[in-house]
C-alpha atoms as a PDB file:
ATOM      1  CA  GLN A   1      40.114 121.383  38.433  1.00  0.00           C
ATOM      2  CA  VAL A   2      41.282 124.044  40.876  1.00  0.00           C
ATOM      3  CA  GLN A   3      39.407 127.279  41.563  1.00  0.00           C
ATOM      4  CA  LEU A   4      41.238 130.450  42.573  1.00  0.00           C
ATOM      5  CA  VAL A   5      39.666 133.512  44.169  1.00  0.00           C
ATOM      6  CA  GLU A   6      41.718 136.645  44.862  1.00  0.00           C
ATOM      7  CA  SER A   7      40.893 139.305  47.415  1.00  0.00           C
ATOM      8  CA  GLY A   8      42.548 142.225  49.169  1.00  0.00           C
ATOM      9  CA  GLY A   9      43.016 144.707  46.373  1.00  0.00           C
ATOM     10  CA  GLY A  10      42.272 148.385  46.785  1.00  0.00           C
ATOM     11  CA  LEU A  11      43.499 151.963  46.621  1.00  0.00           C
ATOM     12  CA  VAL A  12      46.621 152.819  48.609  1.00  0.00           C
ATOM     13  CA  GLN A  13      48.977 155.783  48.697  1.00  0.00           C
ATOM     14  CA  ALA A  14      52.533 155.378  47.508  1.00  0.00           C
ATOM     15  CA  GLY A  15      54.702 153.935  50.254  1.00  0.00           C
ATOM     16  CA  GLY A  16      51.813 151.995  51.727  1.00  0.00           C
ATOM     17  CA  SER A  17      51.145 148.276  52.019  1.00  0.00           C
ATOM     18  CA  LEU A  18      48.537 145.759  50.930  1.00  0.00           C
ATOM     19  CA  ARG A  19      48.124 142.030  51.342  1.00  0.00           C
ATOM     20  CA  LEU A  20      46.474 140.014  48.626  1.00  0.00           C
ATOM     21  CA  SER A  21      44.986 136.599  49.274  1.00  0.00           C
ATOM     22  CA  CYS A  22      44.242 133.761  46.882  1.00  0.00           C
ATOM     23  CA  THR A  23      41.942 131.092  48.213  1.00  0.00           C
ATOM     24  CA  VAL A  24      42.347 127.745  46.488  1.00  0.00           C
ATOM     25  CA  SER A  25      39.625 125.118  46.260  1.00  0.00           C
ATOM     26  CA  GLY A  26      39.460 121.804  44.499  1.00  0.00           C
ATOM     27  CA  ARG A  27      43.042 120.786  45.187  1.00  0.00           C
ATOM     28  CA  THR A  28      45.669 121.210  47.894  1.00  0.00           C
ATOM     29  CA  VAL A  29      47.680 124.371  47.325  1.00  0.00           C
ATOM     30  CA  SER A  30      50.980 122.671  48.148  1.00  0.00           C
ATOM     31  CA  THR A  31      50.611 120.306  45.186  1.00  0.00           C
ATOM     32  CA  TYR A  32      50.701 123.161  42.657  1.00  0.00           C
ATOM     33  CA  ASP A  33      53.150 125.730  41.451  1.00  0.00           C
ATOM     34  CA  MET A  34      51.508 128.952  42.634  1.00  0.00           C
ATOM     35  CA  ALA A  35      52.229 132.440  41.376  1.00  0.00           C
ATOM     36  CA  TRP A  36      51.086 136.026  41.225  1.00  0.00           C
ATOM     37  CA  PHE A  37      50.947 137.893  37.935  1.00  0.00           C
ATOM     38  CA  ARG A  38      49.883 141.442  37.210  1.00  0.00           C
ATOM     39  CA  GLN A  39      48.652 143.336  34.195  1.00  0.00           C
ATOM     40  CA  SER A  40      48.544 147.085  33.627  1.00  0.00           C
ATOM     41  CA  PRO A  41      46.494 148.700  30.853  1.00  0.00           C
ATOM     42  CA  GLY A  42      48.192 148.260  27.508  1.00  0.00           C
ATOM     43  CA  LYS A  43      50.824 145.918  28.883  1.00  0.00           C
ATOM     44  CA  ALA A  44      51.314 142.186  28.841  1.00  0.00           C
ATOM     45  CA  ARG A  45      50.623 140.130  31.925  1.00  0.00           C
ATOM     46  CA  GLU A  46      53.851 139.769  33.877  1.00  0.00           C
ATOM     47  CA  PHE A  47      55.141 137.360  36.507  1.00  0.00           C
ATOM     48  CA  VAL A  48      55.396 139.001  39.927  1.00  0.00           C
ATOM     49  CA  GLY A  49      56.520 136.048  41.983  1.00  0.00           C
ATOM     50  CA  GLY A  50      55.783 132.459  42.769  1.00  0.00           C
ATOM     51  CA  ILE A  51      56.301 129.401  44.920  1.00  0.00           C
ATOM     52  CA  LEU A  52      57.646 126.839  42.475  1.00  0.00           C
ATOM     53  CA  ARG A  53      58.313 123.168  43.044  1.00  0.00           C
ATOM     54  CA  THR A  54      61.726 121.722  42.378  1.00  0.00           C
ATOM     55  CA  GLY A  55      62.656 118.058  42.439  1.00  0.00           C
ATOM     56  CA  SER A  56      63.555 118.280  46.116  1.00  0.00           C
ATOM     57  CA  GLY A  57      61.429 121.110  47.511  1.00  0.00           C
ATOM     58  CA  THR A  58      60.265 124.566  46.527  1.00  0.00           C
ATOM     59  CA  ILE A  59      61.766 127.914  45.643  1.00  0.00           C
ATOM     60  CA  ILE A  60      60.289 131.370  45.941  1.00  0.00           C
ATOM     61  CA  ASP A  61      61.172 133.690  43.097  1.00  0.00           C
ATOM     62  CA  TYR A  62      60.292 137.319  42.317  1.00  0.00           C
ATOM     63  CA  THR A  63      60.644 139.612  39.397  1.00  0.00           C
ATOM     64  CA  ASP A  64      63.431 142.123  39.961  1.00  0.00           C
ATOM     65  CA  SER A  65      61.174 145.147  40.282  1.00  0.00           C
ATOM     66  CA  VAL A  66      59.480 143.807  43.431  1.00  0.00           C
ATOM     67  CA  LYS A  67      62.383 142.082  45.188  1.00  0.00           C
ATOM     68  CA  GLY A  68      62.759 143.405  48.707  1.00  0.00           C
ATOM     69  CA  ARG A  69      59.257 144.893  48.676  1.00  0.00           C
ATOM     70  CA  PHE A  70      56.914 141.953  48.018  1.00  0.00           C
ATOM     71  CA  THR A  71      56.711 138.667  49.891  1.00  0.00           C
ATOM     72  CA  ILE A  72      54.858 135.550  48.807  1.00  0.00           C
ATOM     73  CA  SER A  73      53.738 133.014  51.361  1.00  0.00           C
ATOM     74  CA  ARG A  74      51.434 130.044  51.558  1.00  0.00           C
ATOM     75  CA  ASP A  75      49.228 128.716  54.352  1.00  0.00           C
ATOM     76  CA  ASN A  76      48.641 125.043  53.642  1.00  0.00           C
ATOM     77  CA  ALA A  77      46.088 124.696  56.431  1.00  0.00           C
ATOM     78  CA  LYS A  78      43.969 127.480  54.916  1.00  0.00           C
ATOM     79  CA  ASN A  79      44.802 126.484  51.340  1.00  0.00           C
ATOM     80  CA  THR A  80      45.641 130.103  50.657  1.00  0.00           C
ATOM     81  CA  LEU A  81      48.416 131.958  48.853  1.00  0.00           C
ATOM     82  CA  TYR A  82      49.365 135.471  49.943  1.00  0.00           C
ATOM     83  CA  LEU A  83      51.186 138.416  48.423  1.00  0.00           C
ATOM     84  CA  GLN A  84      52.367 140.958  50.985  1.00  0.00           C
ATOM     85  CA  MET A  85      53.208 144.190  49.202  1.00  0.00           C
ATOM     86  CA  SER A  86      55.121 147.010  50.894  1.00  0.00           C
ATOM     87  CA  SER A  87      56.710 150.280  49.804  1.00  0.00           C
ATOM     88  CA  LEU A  88      54.181 150.387  47.005  1.00  0.00           C
ATOM     89  CA  LYS A  89      54.809 152.583  43.985  1.00  0.00           C
ATOM     90  CA  PRO A  90      52.424 154.021  41.392  1.00  0.00           C
ATOM     91  CA  GLU A  91      53.976 151.664  38.844  1.00  0.00           C
ATOM     92  CA  ASP A  92      52.679 148.721  40.887  1.00  0.00           C
ATOM     93  CA  THR A  93      49.172 149.707  39.831  1.00  0.00           C
ATOM     94  CA  ALA A  94      47.651 146.746  37.991  1.00  0.00           C
ATOM     95  CA  VAL A  95      45.164 143.934  38.143  1.00  0.00           C
ATOM     96  CA  TYR A  96      46.797 141.176  40.137  1.00  0.00           C
ATOM     97  CA  TYR A  97      46.056 137.558  39.273  1.00  0.00           C
ATOM     98  CA  CYS A  98      46.660 134.346  41.147  1.00  0.00           C
ATOM     99  CA  ALA A  99      47.748 131.403  39.011  1.00  0.00           C
ATOM    100  CA  ALA A 100      48.321 127.695  39.526  1.00  0.00           C
ATOM    101  CA  SER A 101      50.067 124.997  37.559  1.00  0.00           C
ATOM    102  CA  ARG A 102      49.834 121.242  37.983  1.00  0.00           C
ATOM    103  CA  ARG A 103      53.130 120.891  36.167  1.00  0.00           C
ATOM    104  CA  ALA A 104      56.352 121.562  38.056  1.00  0.00           C
ATOM    105  CA  THR A 105      58.138 123.411  35.255  1.00  0.00           C
ATOM    106  CA  LEU A 106      59.736 126.252  37.233  1.00  0.00           C
ATOM    107  CA  GLY A 107      58.168 128.416  34.551  1.00  0.00           C
ATOM    108  CA  ARG A 108      57.463 132.111  34.879  1.00  0.00           C
ATOM    109  CA  LEU A 109      55.439 132.570  31.723  1.00  0.00           C
ATOM    110  CA  GLU A 110      51.683 133.009  31.521  1.00  0.00           C
ATOM    111  CA  SER A 111      51.558 129.856  29.393  1.00  0.00           C
ATOM    112  CA  ASP A 112      53.194 127.819  32.175  1.00  0.00           C
ATOM    113  CA  PHE A 113      50.065 128.179  34.343  1.00  0.00           C
ATOM    114  CA  ASP A 114      46.743 126.518  33.614  1.00  0.00           C
ATOM    115  CA  SER A 115      44.390 127.912  36.257  1.00  0.00           C
ATOM    116  CA  TRP A 116      43.669 131.577  36.956  1.00  0.00           C
ATOM    117  CA  GLY A 117      41.652 133.688  39.311  1.00  0.00           C
ATOM    118  CA  GLN A 118      39.476 136.570  38.218  1.00  0.00           C
ATOM    119  CA  GLY A 119      41.953 139.223  39.355  1.00  0.00           C
ATOM    120  CA  THR A 120      41.889 141.998  41.924  1.00  0.00           C
ATOM    121  CA  GLN A 121      42.606 145.656  41.211  1.00  0.00           C
ATOM    122  CA  VAL A 122      45.479 147.355  43.002  1.00  0.00           C
ATOM    123  CA  THR A 123      45.783 151.111  42.566  1.00  0.00           C
ATOM    124  CA  ILE A 124      48.634 153.133  44.031  1.00  0.00           C
ATOM    125  CA  SER A 125      48.216 156.886  44.169  1.00  0.00           C
ATOM    126  CA  SER A 126      51.179 159.232  44.104  1.00  0.00           C
END
């Protein structure tokens, strides 16, 4: 069983930056599909981006609304996943969740991931 703990959320003005961290314990982060999701009030949880295993390596994928602004990275030595967010917009306001999957499905659905962190609030003011 893997445990995920997010940190780094906060209140930022539009146009600003934040970096979220997800510390992984129990398993090595490189052996999982890792992703960030977010959920705004009244909306479904949505895939933000992830590092997903393929048969021959990994891919990094993002939802269209954050491409060019968000960057996902992974530090295997620290067993930590990061989400660097720049040019933040009020519509990025949400609770951000770290997720992990033992299965290499290349999935982007909530149901494709079997371990979740508790979430960290990100609020962008206009």
